Amino acid sequence: MSRRVLIIEDNRDIAEMVSLHLGDLGCMADISSDGRDGFEKARTGRYDLIVLDLMLPGMDGIELCRKLRSQATYTPVLMLTAKSSERDRVLGLEIGADDYLVKPFAIPELLARVKAIFRRVDQLRRADADGDMICAGELTIDHPKRRVDIAGQPVDLTSKEFDLLVHFARHQGQVYTRGQLLDSVWGDGRESYEHTVNTHINRLRSKIEHDPGTPRYLLTVWGVGYKFNDQLEG
């Protein structure tokens, strides 16, 4: 099955190189070199993946990603950037990027990241076919609409926070290590990113728990990892 990819990158050589090698995965790629133009293409087109540079004319990648995540339609984002600091990586993931690749990068790593994103998206689509709504205690998850409510009140989650919560809620009671969560939700179990799991767990608890210090939904299993409480009462 051919997939459509939008490459938003102002360096033409990099954009064409990425497009060429994505063709090896059977992808059809469109290219935009400007942030505003790229956002309009992303907003109005139907893409399976957006490869997004951080530094762009017109609108930078951070603002573009924020705007994309405010839209009703979800499209995975792989962020490309020359910035390599941990703060920049975490910021990109926190605003909703699905993965983050620092320039210069090796083509095999790019393709591995893209394939991991496609695998994760396919898994989520199969999960949608198994059931659209998940309810636990006061928590309600509408997967197709990517909406979460607590006691009837909407909760604003980033893309990755939502995916992490859905993964837990679909496997209530199962304990996951940080590495397993990176594999299942991020699509890459890099140990150096395990702190990202902690950050997302803490942010999720701050949004869905009445008392994040004594969580009801996302429980810590000391010395192992985390699990979703399978003993909830309404």
C-alpha atoms as a PDB file:
ATOM      1  CA  MET A   1       0.000   0.000   0.000  1.00  0.00           C
ATOM      2  CA  SER A   2       1.417   3.357  -1.054  1.00  0.00           C
ATOM      3  CA  ARG A   3       1.616   6.006   1.656  1.00  0.00           C
ATOM      4  CA  ARG A   4       1.650   9.768   1.169  1.00  0.00           C
ATOM      5  CA  VAL A   5       4.311  11.792   2.965  1.00  0.00           C
ATOM      6  CA  LEU A   6       4.680  15.564   3.206  1.00  0.00           C
ATOM      7  CA  ILE A   7       8.262  16.800   3.598  1.00  0.00           C
ATOM      8  CA  ILE A   8       8.482  20.341   4.993  1.00  0.00           C
ATOM      9  CA  GLU A   9      12.153  21.233   4.665  1.00  0.00           C
ATOM     10  CA  ASP A  10      13.777  24.409   3.300  1.00  0.00           C
ATOM     11  CA  ASN A  11      17.018  22.668   2.313  1.00  0.00           C
ATOM     12  CA  ARG A  12      16.153  21.351  -1.139  1.00  0.00           C
ATOM     13  CA  ASP A  13      18.973  18.799  -1.209  1.00  0.00           C
ATOM     14  CA  ILE A  14      17.840  17.246   2.095  1.00  0.00           C
ATOM     15  CA  ALA A  15      14.182  17.296   1.040  1.00  0.00           C
ATOM     16  CA  GLU A  16      14.905  15.561  -2.258  1.00  0.00           C
ATOM     17  CA  MET A  17      17.190  13.024  -0.583  1.00  0.00           C
ATOM     18  CA  VAL A  18      14.477  12.166   1.965  1.00  0.00           C
ATOM     19  CA  SER A  19      11.882  11.944  -0.812  1.00  0.00           C
ATOM     20  CA  LEU A  20      14.101   9.656  -2.876  1.00  0.00           C
ATOM     21  CA  HIS A  21      14.727   7.205  -0.056  1.00  0.00           C
ATOM     22  CA  LEU A  22      11.132   7.216   1.157  1.00  0.00           C
ATOM     23  CA  GLY A  23      10.323   6.021  -2.342  1.00  0.00           C
ATOM     24  CA  ASP A  24      12.197   2.846  -1.414  1.00  0.00           C
ATOM     25  CA  LEU A  25       9.450   2.252   1.171  1.00  0.00           C
ATOM     26  CA  GLY A  26       6.757   2.766  -1.439  1.00  0.00           C
ATOM     27  CA  CYS A  27       5.950   6.300  -0.277  1.00  0.00           C
ATOM     28  CA  MET A  28       4.790   9.141  -2.524  1.00  0.00           C
ATOM     29  CA  ALA A  29       6.227  12.442  -1.255  1.00  0.00           C
ATOM     30  CA  ASP A  30       5.250  16.094  -1.634  1.00  0.00           C
ATOM     31  CA  ILE A  31       7.764  18.797  -0.704  1.00  0.00           C
ATOM     32  CA  SER A  32       7.253  22.240   0.801  1.00  0.00           C
ATOM     33  CA  SER A  33      10.109  24.638   1.633  1.00  0.00           C
ATOM     34  CA  ASP A  34       8.072  27.177   3.638  1.00  0.00           C
ATOM     35  CA  GLY A  35       6.357  26.773   6.998  1.00  0.00           C
ATOM     36  CA  ARG A  36       3.111  28.533   6.097  1.00  0.00           C
ATOM     37  CA  ASP A  37       2.788  26.710   2.797  1.00  0.00           C
ATOM     38  CA  GLY A  38       3.643  23.454   4.507  1.00  0.00           C
ATOM     39  CA  PHE A  39       0.966  23.982   7.135  1.00  0.00           C
ATOM     40  CA  GLU A  40      -1.681  24.617   4.468  1.00  0.00           C
ATOM     41  CA  LYS A  41      -0.662  21.464   2.608  1.00  0.00           C
ATOM     42  CA  ALA A  42      -0.724  19.478   5.859  1.00  0.00           C
ATOM     43  CA  ARG A  43      -4.078  20.955   6.879  1.00  0.00           C
ATOM     44  CA  THR A  44      -5.850  20.366   3.582  1.00  0.00           C
ATOM     45  CA  GLY A  45      -4.098  17.233   2.301  1.00  0.00           C
ATOM     46  CA  ARG A  46      -4.399  13.641   3.416  1.00  0.00           C
ATOM     47  CA  TYR A  47      -0.970  12.428   4.480  1.00  0.00           C
ATOM     48  CA  ASP A  48       0.241   9.350   6.336  1.00  0.00           C
ATOM     49  CA  LEU A  49       3.325  11.146   7.696  1.00  0.00           C
ATOM     50  CA  ILE A  50       4.798  14.641   7.890  1.00  0.00           C
ATOM     51  CA  VAL A  51       8.589  14.999   7.936  1.00  0.00           C
ATOM     52  CA  LEU A  52       9.084  18.416   9.501  1.00  0.00           C
ATOM     53  CA  ASP A  53      12.185  20.586   9.769  1.00  0.00           C
ATOM     54  CA  LEU A  54      12.479  22.693  12.911  1.00  0.00           C
ATOM     55  CA  MET A  55      13.973  25.831  11.341  1.00  0.00           C
ATOM     56  CA  LEU A  56      11.734  27.087   8.525  1.00  0.00           C
ATOM     57  CA  PRO A  57      10.915  30.416   6.883  1.00  0.00           C
ATOM     58  CA  GLY A  58       7.386  31.737   7.360  1.00  0.00           C
ATOM     59  CA  MET A  59       6.522  29.544  10.349  1.00  0.00           C
ATOM     60  CA  ASP A  60       8.973  27.460  12.371  1.00  0.00           C
ATOM     61  CA  GLY A  61       8.495  23.748  12.960  1.00  0.00           C
ATOM     62  CA  ILE A  62       7.501  24.147  16.612  1.00  0.00           C
ATOM     63  CA  GLU A  63       4.617  26.504  15.794  1.00  0.00           C
ATOM     64  CA  LEU A  64       3.627  24.395  12.797  1.00  0.00           C
ATOM     65  CA  CYS A  65       3.483  21.239  14.929  1.00  0.00           C
ATOM     66  CA  ARG A  66       1.417  23.031  17.587  1.00  0.00           C
ATOM     67  CA  LYS A  67      -1.081  24.135  14.931  1.00  0.00           C
ATOM     68  CA  LEU A  68      -1.268  20.640  13.489  1.00  0.00           C
ATOM     69  CA  ARG A  69      -2.027  19.165  16.887  1.00  0.00           C
ATOM     70  CA  SER A  70      -4.880  21.646  17.367  1.00  0.00           C
ATOM     71  CA  GLN A  71      -6.592  20.169  14.293  1.00  0.00           C
ATOM     72  CA  ALA A  72      -9.146  17.390  14.547  1.00  0.00           C
ATOM     73  CA  THR A  73      -7.222  15.116  12.171  1.00  0.00           C
ATOM     74  CA  TYR A  74      -4.142  13.370  13.521  1.00  0.00           C
ATOM     75  CA  THR A  75      -1.105  12.872  11.260  1.00  0.00           C
ATOM     76  CA  PRO A  76       2.196  11.493  12.605  1.00  0.00           C
ATOM     77  CA  VAL A  77       5.125  13.937  12.623  1.00  0.00           C
ATOM     78  CA  LEU A  78       8.826  13.075  12.357  1.00  0.00           C
ATOM     79  CA  MET A  79      10.798  16.193  13.258  1.00  0.00           C
ATOM     80  CA  LEU A  80      14.179  16.909  11.634  1.00  0.00           C
ATOM     81  CA  THR A  81      16.498  19.473  13.140  1.00  0.00           C
ATOM     82  CA  ALA A  82      20.108  20.565  13.445  1.00  0.00           C
ATOM     83  CA  LYS A  83      19.494  21.284  17.135  1.00  0.00           C
ATOM     84  CA  SER A  84      20.665  18.398  19.280  1.00  0.00           C
ATOM     85  CA  SER A  85      20.192  19.589  22.858  1.00  0.00           C
ATOM     86  CA  GLU A  86      18.032  17.475  25.157  1.00  0.00           C
ATOM     87  CA  ARG A  87      15.753  20.467  25.748  1.00  0.00           C
ATOM     88  CA  ASP A  88      15.015  20.761  22.026  1.00  0.00           C
ATOM     89  CA  ARG A  89      14.352  17.026  21.699  1.00  0.00           C
ATOM     90  CA  VAL A  90      11.986  17.015  24.664  1.00  0.00           C
ATOM     91  CA  LEU A  91      10.197  20.159  23.439  1.00  0.00           C
ATOM     92  CA  GLY A  92       9.594  18.601  20.054  1.00  0.00           C
ATOM     93  CA  LEU A  93       8.120  15.478  21.619  1.00  0.00           C
ATOM     94  CA  GLU A  94       6.090  17.407  24.186  1.00  0.00           C
ATOM     95  CA  ILE A  95       4.276  19.498  21.561  1.00  0.00           C
ATOM     96  CA  GLY A  96       3.212  16.374  19.704  1.00  0.00           C
ATOM     97  CA  ALA A  97       5.998  15.205  17.389  1.00  0.00           C
ATOM     98  CA  ASP A  98       6.046  11.427  17.162  1.00  0.00           C
ATOM     99  CA  ASP A  99       9.805  11.188  16.800  1.00  0.00           C
ATOM    100  CA  TYR A 100      12.856  13.397  16.500  1.00  0.00           C
ATOM    101  CA  LEU A 101      15.903  12.980  14.241  1.00  0.00           C
ATOM    102  CA  VAL A 102      18.992  15.190  14.494  1.00  0.00           C
ATOM    103  CA  LYS A 103      20.880  16.299  11.379  1.00  0.00           C
ATOM    104  CA  PRO A 104      23.106  14.985   9.977  1.00  0.00           C
ATOM    105  CA  PHE A 105      21.401  11.608  10.062  1.00  0.00           C
ATOM    106  CA  ALA A 106      22.041   8.281   8.380  1.00  0.00           C
ATOM    107  CA  ILE A 107      19.487   7.149   5.804  1.00  0.00           C
ATOM    108  CA  PRO A 108      19.041   3.685   7.431  1.00  0.00           C
ATOM    109  CA  GLU A 109      18.118   5.412  10.715  1.00  0.00           C
ATOM    110  CA  LEU A 110      15.633   7.700   8.940  1.00  0.00           C
ATOM    111  CA  LEU A 111      13.961   4.745   7.265  1.00  0.00           C
ATOM    112  CA  ALA A 112      13.906   2.761  10.516  1.00  0.00           C
ATOM    113  CA  ARG A 113      12.171   5.651  12.297  1.00  0.00           C
ATOM    114  CA  VAL A 114       9.634   6.024   9.496  1.00  0.00           C
ATOM    115  CA  LYS A 115       8.857   2.299   9.477  1.00  0.00           C
ATOM    116  CA  ALA A 116       8.456   2.340  13.277  1.00  0.00           C
ATOM    117  CA  ILE A 117       5.929   5.182  13.018  1.00  0.00           C
ATOM    118  CA  PHE A 118       3.973   3.353  10.312  1.00  0.00           C
ATOM    119  CA  ARG A 119       3.916   0.165  12.415  1.00  0.00           C
ATOM    120  CA  ARG A 120       2.596   2.068  15.426  1.00  0.00           C
ATOM    121  CA  VAL A 121      -0.100   3.813  13.394  1.00  0.00           C
ATOM    122  CA  ASP A 122      -1.197   0.511  11.870  1.00  0.00           C
ATOM    123  CA  GLN A 123      -1.437  -0.986  15.350  1.00  0.00           C
ATOM    124  CA  LEU A 124      -3.595   1.926  16.512  1.00  0.00           C
ATOM    125  CA  ARG A 125      -5.897   1.526  13.526  1.00  0.00           C
ATOM    126  CA  ARG A 126      -6.333  -2.162  14.277  1.00  0.00           C
ATOM    127  CA  ALA A 127      -7.095  -1.266  17.884  1.00  0.00           C
ATOM    128  CA  ASP A 128      -9.786   1.153  16.677  1.00  0.00           C
ATOM    129  CA  ALA A 129     -11.484  -1.741  14.918  1.00  0.00           C
ATOM    130  CA  ASP A 130     -11.691  -3.586  18.232  1.00  0.00           C
ATOM    131  CA  GLY A 131     -13.595  -0.822  19.989  1.00  0.00           C
ATOM    132  CA  ASP A 132     -14.028   2.925  19.779  1.00  0.00           C
ATOM    133  CA  MET A 133     -14.666   3.802  23.430  1.00  0.00           C
ATOM    134  CA  ILE A 134     -12.746   2.940  26.574  1.00  0.00           C
ATOM    135  CA  CYS A 135     -14.273   3.656  29.983  1.00  0.00           C
ATOM    136  CA  ALA A 136     -12.595   3.233  33.369  1.00  0.00           C
ATOM    137  CA  GLY A 137     -13.806   4.931  36.517  1.00  0.00           C
ATOM    138  CA  GLU A 138     -14.512   8.564  35.605  1.00  0.00           C
ATOM    139  CA  LEU A 139     -12.225   8.320  32.585  1.00  0.00           C
ATOM    140  CA  THR A 140     -13.645   8.055  29.053  1.00  0.00           C
ATOM    141  CA  ILE A 141     -11.492   7.744  25.936  1.00  0.00           C
ATOM    142  CA  ASP A 142     -13.015   8.271  22.483  1.00  0.00           C
ATOM    143  CA  HIS A 143     -10.262   6.866  20.301  1.00  0.00           C
ATOM    144  CA  PRO A 144     -11.450   7.901  16.806  1.00  0.00           C
ATOM    145  CA  LYS A 145     -12.028  11.495  17.974  1.00  0.00           C
ATOM    146  CA  ARG A 146      -8.844  11.393  20.101  1.00  0.00           C
ATOM    147  CA  ARG A 147     -10.835  12.844  22.986  1.00  0.00           C
ATOM    148  CA  VAL A 148     -10.436  12.185  26.711  1.00  0.00           C
ATOM    149  CA  ASP A 149     -12.929  13.171  29.426  1.00  0.00           C
ATOM    150  CA  ILE A 150     -12.701  12.980  33.201  1.00  0.00           C
ATOM    151  CA  ALA A 151     -16.087  13.103  34.930  1.00  0.00           C
ATOM    152  CA  GLY A 152     -17.540  14.573  31.748  1.00  0.00           C
ATOM    153  CA  GLN A 153     -14.911  17.323  31.444  1.00  0.00           C
ATOM    154  CA  PRO A 154     -12.544  17.309  28.436  1.00  0.00           C
ATOM    155  CA  VAL A 155      -8.825  16.849  29.095  1.00  0.00           C
ATOM    156  CA  ASP A 156      -6.270  18.479  26.809  1.00  0.00           C
ATOM    157  CA  LEU A 157      -3.555  15.933  25.955  1.00  0.00           C
ATOM    158  CA  THR A 158      -0.652  16.044  23.543  1.00  0.00           C
ATOM    159  CA  SER A 159      -0.543  13.436  20.790  1.00  0.00           C
ATOM    160  CA  LYS A 160       1.952  11.250  22.615  1.00  0.00           C
ATOM    161  CA  GLU A 161       0.169  11.590  25.970  1.00  0.00           C
ATOM    162  CA  PHE A 162      -2.998  10.384  24.277  1.00  0.00           C
ATOM    163  CA  ASP A 163      -1.275   7.419  22.636  1.00  0.00           C
ATOM    164  CA  LEU A 164       0.378   6.454  25.913  1.00  0.00           C
ATOM    165  CA  LEU A 165      -2.918   6.605  27.809  1.00  0.00           C
ATOM    166  CA  VAL A 166      -4.713   4.539  25.162  1.00  0.00           C
ATOM    167  CA  HIS A 167      -1.970   1.913  25.272  1.00  0.00           C
ATOM    168  CA  PHE A 168      -2.304   1.607  29.047  1.00  0.00           C
ATOM    169  CA  ALA A 169      -6.107   1.626  28.989  1.00  0.00           C
ATOM    170  CA  ARG A 170      -6.275  -1.117  26.347  1.00  0.00           C
ATOM    171  CA  HIS A 171      -4.028  -3.336  28.482  1.00  0.00           C
ATOM    172  CA  GLN A 172      -5.329  -2.698  31.981  1.00  0.00           C
ATOM    173  CA  GLY A 173      -3.362  -4.461  34.698  1.00  0.00           C
ATOM    174  CA  GLN A 174      -0.393  -5.289  32.460  1.00  0.00           C
ATOM    175  CA  VAL A 175       2.933  -3.974  33.760  1.00  0.00           C
ATOM    176  CA  TYR A 176       5.246  -2.238  31.279  1.00  0.00           C
ATOM    177  CA  THR A 177       8.877  -1.270  31.650  1.00  0.00           C
ATOM    178  CA  ARG A 178      10.000   2.072  30.253  1.00  0.00           C
ATOM    179  CA  GLY A 179      11.748   0.285  27.406  1.00  0.00           C
ATOM    180  CA  GLN A 180       8.586  -1.619  26.493  1.00  0.00           C
ATOM    181  CA  LEU A 181       6.589   1.610  26.467  1.00  0.00           C
ATOM    182  CA  LEU A 182       9.166   3.235  24.196  1.00  0.00           C
ATOM    183  CA  ASP A 183       8.860   0.275  21.812  1.00  0.00           C
ATOM    184  CA  SER A 184       5.061   0.191  21.862  1.00  0.00           C
ATOM    185  CA  VAL A 185       4.184   3.896  21.923  1.00  0.00           C
ATOM    186  CA  TRP A 186       7.225   5.662  20.489  1.00  0.00           C
ATOM    187  CA  GLY A 187       8.257   2.797  18.238  1.00  0.00           C
ATOM    188  CA  ASP A 188      11.867   2.889  19.388  1.00  0.00           C
ATOM    189  CA  GLY A 189      13.211   1.523  22.666  1.00  0.00           C
ATOM    190  CA  ARG A 190      16.257   3.769  22.960  1.00  0.00           C
ATOM    191  CA  GLU A 191      17.394   3.648  26.575  1.00  0.00           C
ATOM    192  CA  SER A 192      18.591   7.267  26.447  1.00  0.00           C
ATOM    193  CA  TYR A 193      14.973   8.331  25.987  1.00  0.00           C
ATOM    194  CA  GLU A 194      13.597   6.486  29.028  1.00  0.00           C
ATOM    195  CA  HIS A 195      13.365   9.804  30.903  1.00  0.00           C
ATOM    196  CA  THR A 196      10.815  10.838  28.257  1.00  0.00           C
ATOM    197  CA  VAL A 197       8.493   8.092  29.548  1.00  0.00           C
ATOM    198  CA  ASN A 198       8.786   9.460  33.086  1.00  0.00           C
ATOM    199  CA  THR A 199       7.985  12.965  31.843  1.00  0.00           C
ATOM    200  CA  HIS A 200       4.898  11.811  29.972  1.00  0.00           C
ATOM    201  CA  ILE A 201       3.664   9.711  32.907  1.00  0.00           C
ATOM    202  CA  ASN A 202       4.010  12.713  35.223  1.00  0.00           C
ATOM    203  CA  ARG A 203       2.225  15.006  32.763  1.00  0.00           C
ATOM    204  CA  LEU A 204      -0.583  12.496  32.254  1.00  0.00           C
ATOM    205  CA  ARG A 205      -1.059  12.139  35.992  1.00  0.00           C
ATOM    206  CA  SER A 206      -1.214  15.908  36.405  1.00  0.00           C
ATOM    207  CA  LYS A 207      -4.059  15.986  33.875  1.00  0.00           C
ATOM    208  CA  ILE A 208      -6.171  12.912  34.680  1.00  0.00           C
ATOM    209  CA  GLU A 209      -5.574  12.243  38.378  1.00  0.00           C
ATOM    210  CA  HIS A 210      -7.411  14.074  41.153  1.00  0.00           C
ATOM    211  CA  ASP A 211      -4.267  13.677  43.259  1.00  0.00           C
ATOM    212  CA  PRO A 212      -1.178  12.993  41.085  1.00  0.00           C
ATOM    213  CA  GLY A 213       0.772  12.083  44.232  1.00  0.00           C
ATOM    214  CA  THR A 214      -1.669   9.240  44.888  1.00  0.00           C
ATOM    215  CA  PRO A 215      -2.655   8.146  41.395  1.00  0.00           C
ATOM    216  CA  ARG A 216      -5.821   6.207  40.728  1.00  0.00           C
ATOM    217  CA  TYR A 217      -5.312   5.324  37.056  1.00  0.00           C
ATOM    218  CA  LEU A 218      -1.587   5.155  36.236  1.00  0.00           C
ATOM    219  CA  LEU A 219       0.145   3.133  38.932  1.00  0.00           C
ATOM    220  CA  THR A 220       3.850   2.681  39.580  1.00  0.00           C
ATOM    221  CA  VAL A 221       5.086  -0.879  40.019  1.00  0.00           C
ATOM    222  CA  TRP A 222       8.278  -0.246  41.963  1.00  0.00           C
ATOM    223  CA  GLY A 223      11.414  -1.640  40.409  1.00  0.00           C
ATOM    224  CA  VAL A 224       9.581  -2.608  37.207  1.00  0.00           C
ATOM    225  CA  GLY A 225       7.550   0.137  35.544  1.00  0.00           C
ATOM    226  CA  TYR A 226       3.927   1.212  35.269  1.00  0.00           C
ATOM    227  CA  LYS A 227       0.462  -0.210  34.746  1.00  0.00           C
ATOM    228  CA  PHE A 228      -3.124   0.983  34.340  1.00  0.00           C
ATOM    229  CA  ASN A 229      -5.299   0.161  37.346  1.00  0.00           C
ATOM    230  CA  ASP A 230      -7.587  -2.769  36.500  1.00  0.00           C
ATOM    231  CA  GLN A 231      -9.439  -2.596  39.840  1.00  0.00           C
ATOM    232  CA  LEU A 232     -11.275   0.673  39.298  1.00  0.00           C
ATOM    233  CA  GLU A 233     -14.767   1.292  40.574  1.00  0.00           C
ATOM    234  CA  GLY A 234     -17.081   3.743  38.906  1.00  0.00           C
END
